[in-house]
Amino acid sequence: MDIFTQLAEEKIKQAIKNGEFDQLQGKGKPLKCEDLSHLPEDLRMSYRMMKNSGYLPEEVILQKELVSLRDMIKACQDDSEKERLEKRLSEKQLRFQMLMEKRQLTKSHMYKKYQHKLNRLF
């Protein structure tokens, strides 16, 4: 064990002894385990950090925009507005496909497993 690990361990033991961890939120409850196995290993920590900070990955934002645009197109009565929305939809779909290819998420086992469900939703 290096010196920093020993110092950290000593501080933690002292905090436990002083009761500093007694009033922590969620004490005595099981931890929520997140399954990030569908993500490439090098992206897992960054995704966890983004999630904890309230940030959404770009592909999730794009998927939400795609759903929203499709709903707007269905509800649209004006042909010129509908055409403009369809153009935006095509651009977003292309951006999403490029992003998925870049991140190689389409090659992951989990994506292949749920691809038909995702296609049905989006």
C-alpha atoms as a PDB file:
ATOM      1  CA  MET A   1       0.000   0.000   0.000  1.00  0.00           C
ATOM      2  CA  ASP A   2       1.380   3.422  -0.872  1.00  0.00           C
ATOM      3  CA  ILE A   3       1.419   6.369   1.523  1.00  0.00           C
ATOM      4  CA  PHE A   4      -1.671   8.050   0.036  1.00  0.00           C
ATOM      5  CA  THR A   5      -3.767   4.912   0.362  1.00  0.00           C
ATOM      6  CA  GLN A   6      -2.679   4.534   3.982  1.00  0.00           C
ATOM      7  CA  LEU A   7      -3.527   8.176   4.732  1.00  0.00           C
ATOM      8  CA  ALA A   8      -6.926   7.804   3.114  1.00  0.00           C
ATOM      9  CA  GLU A   9      -7.629   4.620   5.061  1.00  0.00           C
ATOM     10  CA  GLU A  10      -6.648   6.294   8.324  1.00  0.00           C
ATOM     11  CA  LYS A  11      -8.928   9.287   7.620  1.00  0.00           C
ATOM     12  CA  ILE A  12     -11.834   6.981   6.794  1.00  0.00           C
ATOM     13  CA  LYS A  13     -11.311   4.941   9.969  1.00  0.00           C
ATOM     14  CA  GLN A  14     -11.164   8.139  12.026  1.00  0.00           C
ATOM     15  CA  ALA A  15     -14.368   9.452  10.404  1.00  0.00           C
ATOM     16  CA  ILE A  16     -16.145   6.156  11.155  1.00  0.00           C
ATOM     17  CA  LYS A  17     -14.907   6.297  14.739  1.00  0.00           C
ATOM     18  CA  ASN A  18     -16.178   9.895  15.090  1.00  0.00           C
ATOM     19  CA  GLY A  19     -19.588   8.939  13.657  1.00  0.00           C
ATOM     20  CA  GLU A  20     -19.285  11.206  10.616  1.00  0.00           C
ATOM     21  CA  PHE A  21     -20.894   8.575   8.373  1.00  0.00           C
ATOM     22  CA  ASP A  22     -23.840   7.838  10.666  1.00  0.00           C
ATOM     23  CA  GLN A  23     -26.242  10.338   9.075  1.00  0.00           C
ATOM     24  CA  LEU A  24     -25.549   9.662   5.411  1.00  0.00           C
ATOM     25  CA  GLN A  25     -28.517   9.582   3.061  1.00  0.00           C
ATOM     26  CA  GLY A  26     -29.441   6.007   2.148  1.00  0.00           C
ATOM     27  CA  LYS A  27     -27.555   4.451   5.059  1.00  0.00           C
ATOM     28  CA  GLY A  28     -28.524   0.817   5.511  1.00  0.00           C
ATOM     29  CA  LYS A  29     -30.119   0.582   2.065  1.00  0.00           C
ATOM     30  CA  PRO A  30     -28.675  -1.400  -0.834  1.00  0.00           C
ATOM     31  CA  LEU A  31     -26.716   0.501  -3.446  1.00  0.00           C
ATOM     32  CA  LYS A  32     -28.298   0.922  -6.848  1.00  0.00           C
ATOM     33  CA  CYS A  33     -26.135  -0.984  -9.276  1.00  0.00           C
ATOM     34  CA  GLU A  34     -26.173   0.330 -12.807  1.00  0.00           C
ATOM     35  CA  ASP A  35     -25.561  -2.106 -15.607  1.00  0.00           C
ATOM     36  CA  LEU A  36     -23.305  -0.361 -18.076  1.00  0.00           C
ATOM     37  CA  SER A  37     -22.120  -3.566 -19.730  1.00  0.00           C
ATOM     38  CA  HIS A  38     -23.716  -2.459 -23.004  1.00  0.00           C
ATOM     39  CA  LEU A  39     -21.208   0.405 -23.232  1.00  0.00           C
ATOM     40  CA  PRO A  40     -17.612   0.081 -24.343  1.00  0.00           C
ATOM     41  CA  GLU A  41     -15.323  -0.111 -21.308  1.00  0.00           C
ATOM     42  CA  ASP A  42     -13.590   3.183 -22.076  1.00  0.00           C
ATOM     43  CA  LEU A  43     -16.932   5.079 -22.013  1.00  0.00           C
ATOM     44  CA  ARG A  44     -18.444   3.635 -18.820  1.00  0.00           C
ATOM     45  CA  MET A  45     -16.900   5.990 -16.283  1.00  0.00           C
ATOM     46  CA  SER A  46     -17.626   9.077 -18.372  1.00  0.00           C
ATOM     47  CA  TYR A  47     -21.268   8.001 -18.803  1.00  0.00           C
ATOM     48  CA  ARG A  48     -21.606   7.435 -15.072  1.00  0.00           C
ATOM     49  CA  MET A  49     -20.158  10.878 -14.362  1.00  0.00           C
ATOM     50  CA  MET A  50     -22.472  12.503 -16.919  1.00  0.00           C
ATOM     51  CA  LYS A  51     -25.496  10.736 -15.467  1.00  0.00           C
ATOM     52  CA  ASN A  52     -24.618  11.765 -11.916  1.00  0.00           C
ATOM     53  CA  SER A  53     -24.266  15.386 -13.018  1.00  0.00           C
ATOM     54  CA  GLY A  54     -27.606  15.339 -14.873  1.00  0.00           C
ATOM     55  CA  TYR A  55     -26.035  15.461 -18.335  1.00  0.00           C
ATOM     56  CA  LEU A  56     -27.454  13.320 -21.142  1.00  0.00           C
ATOM     57  CA  PRO A  57     -25.279  11.762 -23.851  1.00  0.00           C
ATOM     58  CA  GLU A  58     -25.718  13.235 -27.309  1.00  0.00           C
ATOM     59  CA  GLU A  59     -27.365  10.095 -28.699  1.00  0.00           C
ATOM     60  CA  VAL A  60     -30.075  10.228 -26.016  1.00  0.00           C
ATOM     61  CA  ILE A  61     -30.736  13.901 -26.749  1.00  0.00           C
ATOM     62  CA  LEU A  62     -30.943  13.134 -30.471  1.00  0.00           C
ATOM     63  CA  GLN A  63     -33.368  10.267 -29.847  1.00  0.00           C
ATOM     64  CA  LYS A  64     -35.613  12.571 -27.826  1.00  0.00           C
ATOM     65  CA  GLU A  65     -35.498  15.158 -30.608  1.00  0.00           C
ATOM     66  CA  LEU A  66     -36.380  12.495 -33.188  1.00  0.00           C
ATOM     67  CA  VAL A  67     -39.432  11.440 -31.196  1.00  0.00           C
ATOM     68  CA  SER A  68     -40.488  15.051 -30.762  1.00  0.00           C
ATOM     69  CA  LEU A  69     -40.077  15.839 -34.465  1.00  0.00           C
ATOM     70  CA  ARG A  70     -42.118  12.787 -35.467  1.00  0.00           C
ATOM     71  CA  ASP A  71     -44.906  13.850 -33.127  1.00  0.00           C
ATOM     72  CA  MET A  72     -44.827  17.384 -34.516  1.00  0.00           C
ATOM     73  CA  ILE A  73     -45.005  16.063 -38.096  1.00  0.00           C
ATOM     74  CA  LYS A  74     -48.039  13.932 -37.236  1.00  0.00           C
ATOM     75  CA  ALA A  75     -49.818  16.907 -35.719  1.00  0.00           C
ATOM     76  CA  CYS A  76     -48.800  19.424 -38.400  1.00  0.00           C
ATOM     77  CA  GLN A  77     -51.500  20.733 -40.752  1.00  0.00           C
ATOM     78  CA  ASP A  78     -49.421  23.202 -42.786  1.00  0.00           C
ATOM     79  CA  ASP A  79     -47.651  21.552 -45.739  1.00  0.00           C
ATOM     80  CA  SER A  80     -44.703  23.963 -45.811  1.00  0.00           C
ATOM     81  CA  GLU A  81     -44.168  23.574 -42.063  1.00  0.00           C
ATOM     82  CA  LYS A  82     -44.464  19.806 -42.400  1.00  0.00           C
ATOM     83  CA  GLU A  83     -41.824  19.827 -45.137  1.00  0.00           C
ATOM     84  CA  ARG A  84     -39.486  21.907 -42.960  1.00  0.00           C
ATOM     85  CA  LEU A  85     -39.971  19.493 -40.041  1.00  0.00           C
ATOM     86  CA  GLU A  86     -39.334  16.464 -42.260  1.00  0.00           C
ATOM     87  CA  LYS A  87     -36.077  18.041 -43.434  1.00  0.00           C
ATOM     88  CA  ARG A  88     -35.010  18.582 -39.816  1.00  0.00           C
ATOM     89  CA  LEU A  89     -35.992  14.980 -39.037  1.00  0.00           C
ATOM     90  CA  SER A  90     -33.803  13.689 -41.868  1.00  0.00           C
ATOM     91  CA  GLU A  91     -30.879  15.779 -40.651  1.00  0.00           C
ATOM     92  CA  LYS A  92     -31.275  14.503 -37.087  1.00  0.00           C
ATOM     93  CA  GLN A  93     -31.566  10.883 -38.266  1.00  0.00           C
ATOM     94  CA  LEU A  94     -28.389  11.260 -40.284  1.00  0.00           C
ATOM     95  CA  ARG A  95     -26.596  12.841 -37.328  1.00  0.00           C
ATOM     96  CA  PHE A  96     -27.767  10.003 -35.072  1.00  0.00           C
ATOM     97  CA  GLN A  97     -26.572   7.327 -37.509  1.00  0.00           C
ATOM     98  CA  MET A  98     -23.178   9.011 -37.862  1.00  0.00           C
ATOM     99  CA  LEU A  99     -22.837   9.278 -34.101  1.00  0.00           C
ATOM    100  CA  MET A 100     -23.732   5.619 -33.585  1.00  0.00           C
ATOM    101  CA  GLU A 101     -21.192   4.551 -36.205  1.00  0.00           C
ATOM    102  CA  LYS A 102     -18.520   6.779 -34.678  1.00  0.00           C
ATOM    103  CA  ARG A 103     -19.076   5.365 -31.190  1.00  0.00           C
ATOM    104  CA  GLN A 104     -19.480   1.840 -32.554  1.00  0.00           C
ATOM    105  CA  LEU A 105     -22.470   1.276 -30.282  1.00  0.00           C
ATOM    106  CA  THR A 106     -24.284  -0.502 -33.096  1.00  0.00           C
ATOM    107  CA  LYS A 107     -21.712  -3.291 -32.809  1.00  0.00           C
ATOM    108  CA  SER A 108     -22.364  -3.898 -29.124  1.00  0.00           C
ATOM    109  CA  HIS A 109     -24.157  -7.040 -28.003  1.00  0.00           C
ATOM    110  CA  MET A 110     -26.860  -5.103 -26.126  1.00  0.00           C
ATOM    111  CA  TYR A 111     -27.655  -2.834 -29.074  1.00  0.00           C
ATOM    112  CA  LYS A 112     -28.114  -5.829 -31.353  1.00  0.00           C
ATOM    113  CA  LYS A 113     -30.312  -7.485 -28.752  1.00  0.00           C
ATOM    114  CA  TYR A 114     -32.672  -4.493 -28.471  1.00  0.00           C
ATOM    115  CA  GLN A 115     -32.308  -2.974 -31.942  1.00  0.00           C
ATOM    116  CA  HIS A 116     -35.763  -4.084 -33.134  1.00  0.00           C
ATOM    117  CA  LYS A 117     -37.394  -2.542 -30.037  1.00  0.00           C
ATOM    118  CA  LEU A 118     -35.492   0.709 -30.502  1.00  0.00           C
ATOM    119  CA  ASN A 119     -36.442   0.886 -34.173  1.00  0.00           C
ATOM    120  CA  ARG A 120     -40.087   0.390 -33.251  1.00  0.00           C
ATOM    121  CA  LEU A 121     -39.920   3.234 -30.723  1.00  0.00           C
ATOM    122  CA  PHE A 122     -38.039   5.654 -32.935  1.00  0.00           C
END
